[in-house]
Amino acid sequence: MANSTHPLLSEYSNSEGENPKHSNPNLNVDIEDENEYVPIPSLDSTIETCIGDLGWPQLFQALLVSLAWLFDAQQTFLSIFTDADPPWHCTDSTTTSINSNCSSFSTDVCLLPSDSWAWDLPRHASFISEWGLQCAGSFLTGLPGSSFFMGCLIGGLVLATLADSSLGRKNMLFLGSLVMSLSALCTAFSSNVWIYSALRFVAGFGRSTIGTCSLVLSTELVGKRWRGQVGVIGFLCFTLGFLSLPALAFVNRGSSWRNLYLWTSIPAVLYCLIVRVLVRESPRWLFVKGRKDDAIATLKSMAPPSNLDNLSMMSFSRLPLEQETSSNVDIYSTIKILVQKTWAFRRLSTVMAIGFGIGLVYYGMPLSLGNLAFNLYLSVTFNALSEIPASLVTFLMIGRMNRKTGILVFTVVSGVCSVISVVNIAGKQYKWMQMGLELVSFFSACTAFNVLLIFTIELFPTCVRNFAISLVRQALVFGGVFSPLLAAAGRGGNELVSYGVFGLVIGCCGLFVICLPETRGRAISDTMDEEEHKATSGPLISSPNSVITNNNYVY
């Protein structure tokens, strides 16, 4: 191998009269004669050469970007406490009466005289009690939560392509976080349920791209060796955000529900300012969009001191780029590319189907915790804690875990445990067994979700990666849209309607992973043509003494 120390040195420009070297861009090699092959390094290997092993600059950037998941989780699950149906009790003056209409068997305050019952907590502890919506019906009381998820769906469709086309990962992360945090801040000053619902819609609209941009940006700032582990950092931050909610709600019990929005939105606004100042843009995206100088500057800011001298001599001129990724592509070209390419559309449809099944369990089980005979604060805490081992398992095993096998095993386990948890077993220990099975099912769904996101990153090239991840998360949210309906249908001892359906759907959807190619240990692509060549071609034999594969060669 010639010049292996500096793979990007431009030392071989041809003078006049010399025969130029012929090249085959599909093989990523320069061919001087039939027996000599000089590889053209891929962008993936180039970035790894420039930044070296995972150092403090890359780790700092990954941690900073992944912190967005914390605020994402808080706004996603905050409605568990802010929109909870407030508890009430019969007043002493009526319960002592033999003919009292209020008793321990009363379930609907709308059928009772107004002076026969009272709220357990102050009226401002819930928006339902503050605005007198206890008799307004499930549609109105559930409107803020539904509006948030509808905002996520619409925002994902409208904004998903911007991170790939014009704005980039960093700017999209900043704008999404800013819209979500400012609307959450304004929510604390809502005067009625309609304004509250509208602001929750805006928060969901902004939130729709945060997790996607954070995951894609953090993994594109490092080499393939650390891609999976860095992606797990975001999952851990999401878990910390989820886990912080029971603590905040417990401290805030008896106080206004508006305080929860203030406590979660103000730090999120400060985080947006930090992102704007300190976070760097993805060098992959900069290079694909033709901004080579900015890409080199970003690499220099993250490269270790020992690589700075080499980096100053490097050039991106030899890296093959296709015309499809030029900077003049419109924002909807990503959709057109994914639909036109049969293999890409098949992959996208498959991962979205899996995401739908996982999303039904991921959002449905926390919302159905009120159906179990457990304290709400403890139940939410247990579910949030179960995400920590899920992230740790992903972190420790992602380097050795086949993506297809991992997703298949975890979705099947989640489905089986969810179905078994609704089997009514006599005995006082049944509720503990039910809770244990629910936790195992939720843990498996969380782990499958983590692996699916990393799998999707590796399935799609840089030019469409952010949009593909966005659609997978949209499928996850779409599953969440049905979760409140199933959770409500499972009340009153009908757990089979909720947990039974959760298990069947995630188990069946997980089987679709069989249709996808395995990506563990494979370099990620940057253009559709490069990925299509990997998908449709095996090793190419050009002579009896040489075998050429994508980004690899053997003599």
Protein backbone atom coordinates (compact mmCIF):
# COMPACT_ATOMS: atom_id res chain seq x y z
CA MET A 1 0.00 0.00 0.00
CA ALA A 2 1.52 3.26 -1.03
CA ASN A 3 1.49 6.26 1.26
CA SER A 4 -0.63 4.67 3.97
CA THR A 5 0.29 7.35 6.51
CA HIS A 6 -1.27 10.22 4.57
CA PRO A 7 -4.07 8.72 2.49
CA LEU A 8 -5.35 12.08 1.26
CA LEU A 9 -2.10 13.72 0.18
CA SER A 10 -2.52 15.12 -3.32
CA GLU A 11 0.88 14.10 -4.59
CA TYR A 12 0.03 12.55 -7.88
CA SER A 13 -1.34 15.25 -10.18
CA ASN A 14 -0.31 14.35 -13.72
CA SER A 15 1.90 16.54 -15.82
CA GLU A 16 1.29 17.08 -19.52
CA GLY A 17 2.18 14.14 -21.67
CA GLU A 18 1.62 11.60 -18.92
CA ASN A 19 -1.08 9.03 -19.32
CA PRO A 20 -3.76 9.73 -16.69
CA LYS A 21 -4.76 6.93 -14.36
CA HIS A 22 -8.05 5.33 -15.13
CA SER A 23 -10.47 5.09 -12.27
CA ASN A 24 -13.60 3.19 -11.46
CA PRO A 25 -15.71 5.20 -9.02
CA ASN A 26 -17.91 2.26 -8.18
CA LEU A 27 -14.95 0.32 -6.83
CA ASN A 28 -13.26 3.28 -5.16
CA VAL A 29 -9.87 2.36 -6.66
CA ASP A 30 -7.36 3.88 -9.09
CA ILE A 31 -6.16 1.32 -11.63
CA GLU A 32 -2.62 1.76 -13.04
CA ASP A 33 -2.50 -1.66 -14.63
CA GLU A 34 -4.34 -4.91 -14.35
CA ASN A 35 -2.38 -6.07 -11.29
CA GLU A 36 -1.89 -2.85 -9.30
CA TYR A 37 -4.67 -1.21 -7.29
CA VAL A 38 -4.43 2.00 -5.29
CA PRO A 39 -7.52 2.49 -3.09
CA ILE A 40 -9.35 5.80 -2.93
CA PRO A 41 -10.23 6.25 0.75
CA SER A 42 -13.86 6.69 1.67
CA LEU A 43 -15.15 9.67 3.63
CA ASP A 44 -15.67 7.36 6.60
CA SER A 45 -12.01 6.30 6.68
CA THR A 46 -10.87 9.85 5.96
CA ILE A 47 -12.64 11.27 9.01
CA GLU A 48 -11.26 8.51 11.20
CA THR A 49 -7.76 9.26 9.92
CA CYS A 50 -8.20 12.97 10.61
CA ILE A 51 -9.66 12.84 14.12
CA GLY A 52 -7.96 9.66 15.27
CA ASP A 53 -9.40 7.66 18.13
CA LEU A 54 -12.23 8.99 20.28
CA GLY A 55 -10.70 11.93 22.18
CA TRP A 56 -11.96 14.58 24.55
CA PRO A 57 -13.02 17.05 21.80
CA GLN A 58 -15.24 14.45 20.11
CA LEU A 59 -16.53 13.16 23.44
CA PHE A 60 -17.38 16.69 24.57
CA GLN A 61 -19.28 17.36 21.36
CA ALA A 62 -21.14 14.05 21.62
CA LEU A 63 -22.13 14.70 25.25
CA LEU A 64 -23.25 18.24 24.47
CA VAL A 65 -25.36 17.19 21.50
CA SER A 66 -26.82 14.16 23.31
CA LEU A 67 -28.01 16.36 26.19
CA ALA A 68 -30.90 17.44 23.94
CA TRP A 69 -32.49 14.05 24.59
CA LEU A 70 -32.93 14.95 28.28
CA PHE A 71 -35.21 17.90 27.50
CA ASP A 72 -36.91 15.88 24.77
CA ALA A 73 -37.90 13.21 27.30
CA GLN A 74 -39.16 15.75 29.82
CA GLN A 75 -41.55 17.36 27.35
CA THR A 76 -42.66 13.98 25.96
CA PHE A 77 -43.72 12.45 29.28
CA LEU A 78 -44.53 15.58 31.30
CA SER A 79 -48.25 15.15 30.61
CA ILE A 80 -48.27 11.99 32.77
CA PHE A 81 -48.33 14.35 35.76
CA THR A 82 -49.61 17.69 34.44
CA ASP A 83 -52.61 16.11 32.70
CA ALA A 84 -53.39 13.46 35.32
CA ASP A 85 -56.94 13.15 36.56
CA PRO A 86 -56.77 14.72 40.06
CA PRO A 87 -57.92 12.61 43.04
CA TRP A 88 -60.94 13.64 45.10
CA HIS A 89 -62.76 12.61 48.26
CA CYS A 90 -66.18 12.88 49.88
CA THR A 91 -66.54 15.72 52.33
CA ASP A 92 -67.03 14.94 56.01
CA SER A 93 -70.41 16.69 56.21
CA THR A 94 -72.00 14.33 53.70
CA THR A 95 -70.27 11.04 54.39
CA THR A 96 -71.74 10.98 57.90
CA SER A 97 -75.25 11.13 56.50
CA ILE A 98 -77.04 7.85 55.94
CA ASN A 99 -78.68 9.17 52.78
CA SER A 100 -75.51 10.69 51.41
CA ASN A 101 -75.08 10.52 47.65
CA CYS A 102 -71.29 10.37 48.03
CA SER A 103 -69.63 7.17 49.20
CA SER A 104 -66.49 5.17 48.68
CA PHE A 105 -68.20 3.44 45.74
CA SER A 106 -68.77 6.70 43.82
CA THR A 107 -66.72 6.87 40.62
CA ASP A 108 -68.08 9.91 38.79
CA VAL A 109 -68.08 13.32 40.48
CA CYS A 110 -70.37 14.63 37.74
CA LEU A 111 -73.21 12.57 39.23
CA LEU A 112 -72.71 14.01 42.72
CA PRO A 113 -73.81 17.31 44.24
CA SER A 114 -71.06 19.89 44.16
CA ASP A 115 -71.00 20.18 47.96
CA SER A 116 -70.62 16.44 48.55
CA TRP A 117 -67.04 16.08 47.40
CA ALA A 118 -63.74 18.01 47.23
CA TRP A 119 -60.32 17.71 45.58
CA ASP A 120 -57.55 16.03 47.55
CA LEU A 121 -55.07 18.68 46.39
CA PRO A 122 -55.44 22.42 45.73
CA ARG A 123 -57.36 23.30 42.58
CA HIS A 124 -54.25 24.65 40.83
CA ALA A 125 -52.46 21.27 41.15
CA SER A 126 -54.01 20.13 37.84
CA PHE A 127 -55.33 22.00 34.84
CA ILE A 128 -58.45 19.80 35.03
CA SER A 129 -59.37 21.00 38.50
CA GLU A 130 -58.18 24.57 37.92
CA TRP A 131 -60.41 25.07 34.88
CA GLY A 132 -63.27 22.84 36.11
CA LEU A 133 -62.96 20.27 33.33
CA GLN A 134 -63.76 17.20 35.41
CA CYS A 135 -67.07 16.80 33.55
CA ALA A 136 -65.85 18.00 30.15
CA GLY A 137 -65.25 14.53 28.72
CA SER A 138 -62.15 12.59 27.73
CA PHE A 139 -61.74 14.45 24.43
CA LEU A 140 -61.19 17.85 26.03
CA THR A 141 -59.07 16.62 28.93
CA GLY A 142 -56.94 14.55 26.56
CA LEU A 143 -56.65 17.28 23.94
CA PRO A 144 -53.32 18.76 25.19
CA GLY A 145 -51.62 15.37 25.13
CA SER A 146 -53.03 14.47 21.74
CA SER A 147 -52.06 17.90 20.38
CA PHE A 148 -48.45 17.31 21.41
CA PHE A 149 -48.23 14.03 19.48
CA MET A 150 -50.03 15.53 16.48
CA GLY A 151 -47.45 18.31 16.49
CA CYS A 152 -44.73 15.66 16.51
CA LEU A 153 -46.27 13.92 13.51
CA ILE A 154 -46.77 17.06 11.42
CA GLY A 155 -43.44 18.58 12.46
CA GLY A 156 -41.60 15.42 11.51
CA LEU A 157 -43.12 15.47 8.03
CA VAL A 158 -42.53 19.19 7.46
CA LEU A 159 -39.08 19.58 9.02
CA ALA A 160 -37.46 16.19 8.46
CA THR A 161 -35.77 17.02 5.14
CA LEU A 162 -34.30 20.36 6.28
CA ALA A 163 -31.47 18.76 8.25
CA ASP A 164 -30.35 16.88 5.13
CA SER A 165 -30.96 19.62 2.56
CA SER A 166 -30.43 23.21 3.69
CA LEU A 167 -30.19 23.83 7.43
CA GLY A 168 -27.92 21.01 8.52
CA ARG A 169 -27.92 18.98 11.72
CA LYS A 170 -26.73 21.69 14.12
CA ASN A 171 -29.11 24.45 12.98
CA MET A 172 -32.06 22.06 12.97
CA LEU A 173 -31.18 20.89 16.48
CA PHE A 174 -30.95 24.48 17.67
CA LEU A 175 -34.20 25.63 16.07
CA GLY A 176 -36.16 22.56 17.18
CA SER A 177 -34.93 22.87 20.77
CA LEU A 178 -35.66 26.59 20.81
CA VAL A 179 -39.23 26.18 19.52
CA MET A 180 -39.94 23.39 21.99
CA SER A 181 -38.47 25.17 25.02
CA LEU A 182 -40.06 28.57 24.32
CA SER A 183 -43.50 27.08 23.72
CA ALA A 184 -43.15 25.03 26.93
CA LEU A 185 -42.25 28.23 28.76
CA CYS A 186 -45.33 29.97 27.38
CA THR A 187 -47.47 26.97 28.35
CA ALA A 188 -46.96 27.88 32.00
CA PHE A 189 -49.02 31.04 31.35
CA SER A 190 -51.95 29.38 29.53
CA SER A 191 -55.35 30.79 30.40
CA ASN A 192 -57.58 28.01 29.04
CA VAL A 193 -57.40 24.51 27.62
CA TRP A 194 -57.47 25.73 24.00
CA ILE A 195 -54.37 27.89 24.38
CA TYR A 196 -52.77 25.10 26.39
CA SER A 197 -53.43 22.60 23.60
CA ALA A 198 -52.16 24.98 20.90
CA LEU A 199 -48.89 25.55 22.75
CA ARG A 200 -48.46 21.81 23.27
CA PHE A 201 -48.93 21.36 19.52
CA VAL A 202 -46.15 23.88 18.86
CA ALA A 203 -43.91 22.16 21.41
CA GLY A 204 -44.47 18.83 19.68
CA PHE A 205 -43.83 20.44 16.30
CA GLY A 206 -40.42 21.68 17.45
CA ARG A 207 -39.62 18.53 19.37
CA SER A 208 -40.15 16.30 16.33
CA THR A 209 -36.58 16.68 14.99
CA ILE A 210 -34.57 17.01 18.22
CA GLY A 211 -33.83 13.36 18.92
CA THR A 212 -33.13 12.65 15.25
CA CYS A 213 -30.70 15.53 14.75
CA SER A 214 -29.00 14.81 18.07
CA LEU A 215 -28.47 11.14 17.25
CA VAL A 216 -27.30 11.71 13.68
CA LEU A 217 -25.00 14.60 14.56
CA SER A 218 -23.35 12.84 17.51
CA THR A 219 -22.64 9.68 15.49
CA GLU A 220 -21.35 11.61 12.47
CA LEU A 221 -18.77 13.38 14.62
CA VAL A 222 -16.93 10.13 15.40
CA GLY A 223 -15.60 7.13 13.52
CA LYS A 224 -17.43 3.85 13.03
CA ARG A 225 -15.68 2.17 15.98
CA TRP A 226 -17.48 4.41 18.47
CA ARG A 227 -20.66 5.12 16.52
CA GLY A 228 -22.87 2.74 18.47
CA GLN A 229 -21.51 3.73 21.89
CA VAL A 230 -21.89 7.43 21.19
CA GLY A 231 -25.46 6.87 20.06
CA VAL A 232 -26.23 5.22 23.39
CA ILE A 233 -25.19 8.40 25.22
CA GLY A 234 -28.33 10.04 23.85
CA PHE A 235 -30.46 7.14 25.05
CA LEU A 236 -28.99 7.51 28.55
CA CYS A 237 -29.75 11.23 28.53
CA PHE A 238 -33.33 10.47 27.48
CA THR A 239 -33.58 8.06 30.41
CA LEU A 240 -32.29 10.72 32.81
CA GLY A 241 -34.90 13.15 31.50
CA PHE A 242 -37.67 10.58 31.95
CA LEU A 243 -36.35 9.68 35.40
CA SER A 244 -36.26 13.31 36.51
CA LEU A 245 -40.02 13.73 36.05
CA PRO A 246 -41.24 11.65 39.02
CA ALA A 247 -38.80 13.51 41.26
CA LEU A 248 -39.91 16.92 39.98
CA ALA A 249 -43.59 15.96 40.22
CA PHE A 250 -43.17 14.59 43.75
CA VAL A 251 -41.46 17.78 44.93
CA ASN A 252 -44.15 19.84 43.18
CA ARG A 253 -47.11 17.86 44.57
CA GLY A 254 -49.73 20.25 45.90
CA SER A 255 -48.27 23.15 43.89
CA SER A 256 -49.37 24.45 40.51
CA TRP A 257 -48.95 22.24 37.46
CA ARG A 258 -47.49 25.31 35.74
CA ASN A 259 -44.34 24.99 37.83
CA LEU A 260 -43.39 21.77 36.05
CA TYR A 261 -43.32 23.60 32.73
CA LEU A 262 -41.21 26.39 34.20
CA TRP A 263 -38.71 23.99 35.79
CA THR A 264 -38.23 22.05 32.56
CA SER A 265 -38.36 24.86 29.99
CA ILE A 266 -35.95 27.42 31.49
CA PRO A 267 -32.95 25.03 31.51
CA ALA A 268 -33.92 23.99 27.96
CA VAL A 269 -33.75 27.62 26.78
CA LEU A 270 -30.27 27.98 28.29
CA TYR A 271 -29.23 24.77 26.56
CA CYS A 272 -30.29 26.20 23.18
CA LEU A 273 -27.85 29.08 23.66
CA ILE A 274 -25.05 26.64 24.46
CA VAL A 275 -25.81 24.64 21.31
CA ARG A 276 -25.67 27.75 19.18
CA VAL A 277 -22.24 28.75 20.52
CA LEU A 278 -20.35 25.51 21.19
CA VAL A 279 -21.72 22.71 18.97
CA ARG A 280 -19.98 22.01 15.66
CA GLU A 281 -21.71 20.99 12.43
CA SER A 282 -21.28 17.48 11.03
CA PRO A 283 -18.18 17.35 8.79
CA ARG A 284 -19.90 14.65 6.74
CA TRP A 285 -22.85 16.91 5.94
CA LEU A 286 -20.55 19.86 5.22
CA PHE A 287 -18.52 17.80 2.81
CA VAL A 288 -21.58 16.37 1.05
CA LYS A 289 -22.95 19.91 0.61
CA GLY A 290 -19.66 21.09 -0.93
CA ARG A 291 -18.50 23.18 2.06
CA LYS A 292 -15.05 21.62 2.25
CA ASP A 293 -13.37 24.51 4.07
CA ASP A 294 -15.94 24.37 6.86
CA ALA A 295 -15.57 20.59 7.02
CA ILE A 296 -11.80 20.86 7.40
CA ALA A 297 -12.18 23.55 10.07
CA THR A 298 -14.54 21.29 12.01
CA LEU A 299 -12.14 18.36 11.76
CA LYS A 300 -9.26 20.54 12.95
CA SER A 301 -11.25 21.63 15.99
CA MET A 302 -11.75 17.99 17.01
CA ALA A 303 -8.49 16.43 15.85
CA PRO A 304 -5.83 15.57 18.45
CA PRO A 305 -2.67 17.76 18.36
CA SER A 306 -0.63 14.95 16.82
CA ASN A 307 -2.90 14.92 13.75
CA LEU A 308 -3.03 18.67 13.09
CA ASP A 309 0.13 18.72 10.96
CA ASN A 310 -1.11 15.83 8.83
CA LEU A 311 -4.55 17.37 8.53
CA SER A 312 -3.12 20.61 7.13
CA MET A 313 -1.67 18.63 4.21
CA MET A 314 -4.76 16.59 3.52
CA SER A 315 -7.21 17.23 0.71
CA PHE A 316 -10.71 16.01 0.00
CA SER A 317 -10.18 16.26 -3.74
CA ARG A 318 -9.81 12.51 -4.30
CA LEU A 319 -12.96 11.50 -2.46
CA PRO A 320 -15.67 10.49 -4.98
CA LEU A 321 -18.86 12.52 -4.70
CA GLU A 322 -21.96 11.99 -6.80
CA GLN A 323 -23.96 14.79 -8.38
CA GLU A 324 -27.07 13.80 -6.45
CA THR A 325 -25.61 15.23 -3.26
CA SER A 326 -24.74 18.66 -4.58
CA SER A 327 -25.84 21.70 -2.67
CA ASN A 328 -28.46 22.78 -5.18
CA VAL A 329 -30.84 19.92 -4.38
CA ASP A 330 -34.24 21.13 -3.19
CA ILE A 331 -35.59 20.22 0.23
CA TYR A 332 -37.99 17.59 -1.10
CA SER A 333 -35.40 15.72 -3.16
CA THR A 334 -34.73 13.39 -0.22
CA ILE A 335 -38.30 12.09 -0.36
CA LYS A 336 -38.05 11.59 -4.12
CA ILE A 337 -34.76 9.71 -3.81
CA LEU A 338 -36.07 7.32 -1.17
CA VAL A 339 -39.27 6.61 -3.10
CA GLN A 340 -37.60 6.12 -6.49
CA LYS A 341 -34.98 3.67 -5.21
CA THR A 342 -36.72 0.34 -4.70
CA TRP A 343 -34.19 -0.99 -2.20
CA ALA A 344 -34.32 2.25 -0.17
CA PHE A 345 -38.11 2.34 -0.09
CA ARG A 346 -38.22 -1.30 0.99
CA ARG A 347 -35.77 -0.65 3.81
CA LEU A 348 -37.63 2.47 4.90
CA SER A 349 -41.00 0.73 4.95
CA THR A 350 -39.57 -2.13 6.98
CA VAL A 351 -37.91 -0.04 9.69
CA MET A 352 -41.03 2.14 9.93
CA ALA A 353 -43.22 -0.94 10.48
CA ILE A 354 -40.88 -2.09 13.25
CA GLY A 355 -40.87 1.42 14.73
CA PHE A 356 -44.67 1.48 14.83
CA GLY A 357 -44.81 -1.72 16.86
CA ILE A 358 -42.13 -0.55 19.27
CA GLY A 359 -43.79 2.86 19.63
CA LEU A 360 -47.11 1.32 20.61
CA VAL A 361 -45.41 -0.34 23.59
CA TYR A 362 -42.91 2.43 24.34
CA TYR A 363 -45.57 5.11 24.78
CA GLY A 364 -48.47 2.85 25.68
CA MET A 365 -47.04 1.11 28.73
CA PRO A 366 -46.22 4.31 30.71
CA LEU A 367 -49.68 5.66 29.88
CA SER A 368 -51.29 2.40 31.03
CA LEU A 369 -49.54 2.34 34.41
CA GLY A 370 -52.66 3.79 36.03
CA ASN A 371 -54.42 0.51 35.23
CA LEU A 372 -52.08 -1.35 37.59
CA ALA A 373 -52.51 -1.50 41.35
CA PHE A 374 -49.37 0.53 42.03
CA ASN A 375 -48.51 4.03 43.13
CA LEU A 376 -48.21 6.23 40.03
CA TYR A 377 -44.93 7.84 41.13
CA LEU A 378 -43.31 4.47 41.83
CA SER A 379 -44.63 2.91 38.63
CA VAL A 380 -43.26 5.71 36.46
CA THR A 381 -39.96 5.60 38.37
CA PHE A 382 -39.62 1.84 37.81
CA ASN A 383 -40.29 2.23 34.09
CA ALA A 384 -37.82 5.10 33.80
CA LEU A 385 -35.20 3.09 35.69
CA SER A 386 -35.69 0.17 33.31
CA GLU A 387 -34.39 2.37 30.49
CA ILE A 388 -30.99 2.59 32.18
CA PRO A 389 -30.15 -1.14 31.85
CA ALA A 390 -31.62 -1.00 28.34
CA SER A 391 -29.14 1.73 27.41
CA LEU A 392 -26.28 -0.05 29.19
CA VAL A 393 -27.03 -3.32 27.40
CA THR A 394 -27.02 -1.47 24.10
CA PHE A 395 -23.79 0.35 25.00
CA LEU A 396 -21.95 -2.82 26.00
CA MET A 397 -23.31 -5.15 23.32
CA ILE A 398 -23.80 -2.97 20.24
CA GLY A 399 -20.26 -3.60 19.01
CA ARG A 400 -20.78 -7.38 19.10
CA MET A 401 -24.52 -7.61 18.51
CA ASN A 402 -25.98 -8.39 15.11
CA ARG A 403 -28.60 -5.72 14.52
CA LYS A 404 -31.19 -8.08 13.03
CA THR A 405 -30.84 -10.69 15.76
CA GLY A 406 -30.96 -8.08 18.52
CA ILE A 407 -34.16 -6.44 17.27
CA LEU A 408 -35.85 -9.79 16.64
CA VAL A 409 -35.05 -11.17 20.10
CA PHE A 410 -36.02 -8.06 22.05
CA THR A 411 -39.31 -7.46 20.20
CA VAL A 412 -40.37 -11.09 20.66
CA VAL A 413 -39.47 -11.05 24.36
CA SER A 414 -41.37 -7.79 24.81
CA GLY A 415 -44.43 -9.20 23.09
CA VAL A 416 -44.45 -12.45 25.03
CA CYS A 417 -44.04 -10.76 28.43
CA SER A 418 -46.74 -8.21 27.62
CA VAL A 419 -49.26 -10.92 26.70
CA ILE A 420 -48.42 -13.09 29.72
CA SER A 421 -48.80 -10.13 32.07
CA VAL A 422 -52.57 -10.06 31.42
CA VAL A 423 -53.10 -13.70 32.38
CA ASN A 424 -55.04 -13.55 35.64
CA ILE A 425 -53.29 -15.70 38.22
CA ALA A 426 -54.93 -16.08 41.62
CA GLY A 427 -52.97 -14.95 44.65
CA LYS A 428 -51.82 -11.75 46.25
CA GLN A 429 -48.43 -12.00 44.54
CA TYR A 430 -50.06 -11.64 41.14
CA LYS A 431 -49.73 -7.87 41.03
CA TRP A 432 -45.98 -8.11 41.66
CA MET A 433 -45.62 -10.68 38.90
CA GLN A 434 -47.65 -8.46 36.59
CA MET A 435 -45.45 -5.48 37.36
CA GLY A 436 -42.31 -7.54 36.79
CA LEU A 437 -43.50 -8.77 33.41
CA GLU A 438 -44.48 -5.22 32.45
CA LEU A 439 -40.98 -4.00 33.31
CA VAL A 440 -39.32 -6.79 31.32
CA SER A 441 -41.55 -6.00 28.35
CA PHE A 442 -40.83 -2.27 28.57
CA PHE A 443 -37.08 -2.92 29.00
CA SER A 444 -37.04 -5.12 25.89
CA ALA A 445 -38.98 -2.52 23.87
CA CYS A 446 -36.53 0.22 24.93
CA THR A 447 -33.53 -1.91 23.95
CA ALA A 448 -35.11 -2.78 20.61
CA PHE A 449 -35.76 0.92 20.02
CA ASN A 450 -32.11 1.79 20.73
CA VAL A 451 -30.80 -0.87 18.38
CA LEU A 452 -33.31 0.10 15.68
CA LEU A 453 -32.12 3.71 15.60
CA ILE A 454 -28.47 2.68 15.28
CA PHE A 455 -29.46 0.10 12.66
CA THR A 456 -31.26 2.79 10.65
CA ILE A 457 -28.20 5.04 10.75
CA GLU A 458 -26.16 2.27 9.16
CA LEU A 459 -28.81 1.35 6.57
CA PHE A 460 -29.02 4.78 4.89
CA PRO A 461 -26.31 7.06 3.45
CA THR A 462 -25.45 10.55 4.69
CA CYS A 463 -27.51 12.38 2.05
CA VAL A 464 -30.80 10.88 3.35
CA ARG A 465 -29.88 9.59 6.80
CA ASN A 466 -31.49 12.30 8.90
CA PHE A 467 -34.76 12.05 6.97
CA ALA A 468 -34.82 8.26 7.30
CA ILE A 469 -34.28 8.49 11.05
CA SER A 470 -37.02 11.12 11.24
CA LEU A 471 -39.52 8.84 9.51
CA VAL A 472 -38.66 5.97 11.85
CA ARG A 473 -39.32 8.23 14.82
CA GLN A 474 -42.53 9.37 13.14
CA ALA A 475 -43.62 5.76 12.94
CA LEU A 476 -42.78 5.45 16.63
CA VAL A 477 -44.92 8.51 17.43
CA PHE A 478 -47.70 7.20 15.20
CA GLY A 479 -47.79 4.12 17.37
CA GLY A 480 -47.97 6.44 20.36
CA VAL A 481 -51.11 8.08 18.94
CA PHE A 482 -53.04 4.83 19.48
CA SER A 483 -51.52 4.19 22.90
CA PRO A 484 -53.84 6.51 24.91
CA LEU A 485 -56.89 4.87 23.32
CA LEU A 486 -55.70 1.39 24.24
CA ALA A 487 -54.69 2.55 27.71
CA ALA A 488 -58.16 3.98 28.30
CA ALA A 489 -59.80 0.84 26.94
CA GLY A 490 -57.76 -1.26 29.36
CA ARG A 491 -59.19 0.38 32.47
CA GLY A 492 -61.58 -1.43 34.77
CA GLY A 493 -59.88 -4.81 34.63
CA ASN A 494 -59.70 -5.08 30.82
CA GLU A 495 -55.88 -5.25 30.62
CA LEU A 496 -56.12 -7.70 27.71
CA VAL A 497 -57.28 -4.85 25.47
CA SER A 498 -54.14 -2.83 26.24
CA TYR A 499 -51.27 -5.11 27.20
CA GLY A 500 -52.50 -7.97 25.03
CA VAL A 501 -52.63 -5.76 21.93
CA PHE A 502 -49.26 -4.21 22.82
CA GLY A 503 -47.64 -7.64 22.89
CA LEU A 504 -49.20 -8.94 19.68
CA VAL A 505 -48.34 -5.83 17.67
CA ILE A 506 -44.69 -5.49 18.72
CA GLY A 507 -44.10 -9.21 18.30
CA CYS A 508 -45.52 -9.27 14.78
CA CYS A 509 -43.84 -6.03 13.67
CA GLY A 510 -40.46 -7.23 14.94
CA LEU A 511 -40.54 -10.13 12.47
CA PHE A 512 -40.12 -7.67 9.57
CA VAL A 513 -36.44 -7.23 10.50
CA ILE A 514 -35.74 -10.50 8.69
CA CYS A 515 -36.13 -8.60 5.39
CA LEU A 516 -33.23 -6.21 6.14
CA PRO A 517 -29.49 -6.67 5.48
CA GLU A 518 -27.06 -6.95 8.38
CA THR A 519 -24.85 -3.85 8.92
CA ARG A 520 -22.67 -4.65 11.93
CA GLY A 521 -19.03 -3.69 11.31
CA ARG A 522 -19.77 -2.17 7.91
CA ALA A 523 -18.65 1.34 6.94
CA ILE A 524 -21.57 3.71 6.42
CA SER A 525 -22.11 5.21 2.98
CA ASP A 526 -22.43 8.86 1.99
CA THR A 527 -24.28 8.67 -1.35
CA MET A 528 -27.20 6.64 -2.66
CA ASP A 529 -25.08 5.16 -5.45
CA GLU A 530 -22.46 3.98 -3.00
CA GLU A 531 -25.07 2.30 -0.79
CA GLU A 532 -26.87 0.85 -3.79
CA HIS A 533 -23.64 -0.69 -4.99
CA LYS A 534 -23.18 -2.32 -1.58
CA ALA A 535 -26.76 -3.55 -1.59
CA THR A 536 -26.76 -5.03 -5.08
CA SER A 537 -23.17 -6.20 -5.59
CA GLY A 538 -21.06 -8.75 -3.82
CA PRO A 539 -17.29 -8.92 -4.01
CA LEU A 540 -16.03 -8.13 -7.51
CA ILE A 541 -13.25 -10.30 -8.89
CA SER A 542 -11.11 -8.47 -11.46
CA SER A 543 -8.25 -10.95 -11.74
CA PRO A 544 -7.25 -14.30 -10.28
CA ASN A 545 -4.84 -12.58 -7.92
CA SER A 546 -7.02 -9.73 -6.62
CA VAL A 547 -10.40 -9.39 -5.00
CA ILE A 548 -11.91 -5.92 -4.66
CA THR A 549 -14.74 -5.05 -2.33
CA ASN A 550 -16.21 -1.75 -1.21
CA ASN A 551 -13.54 0.28 0.59
CA ASN A 552 -11.34 -2.84 0.90
CA TYR A 553 -8.92 -4.66 -1.34
CA VAL A 554 -6.94 -7.89 -1.09
CA TYR A 555 -3.98 -8.90 -3.25
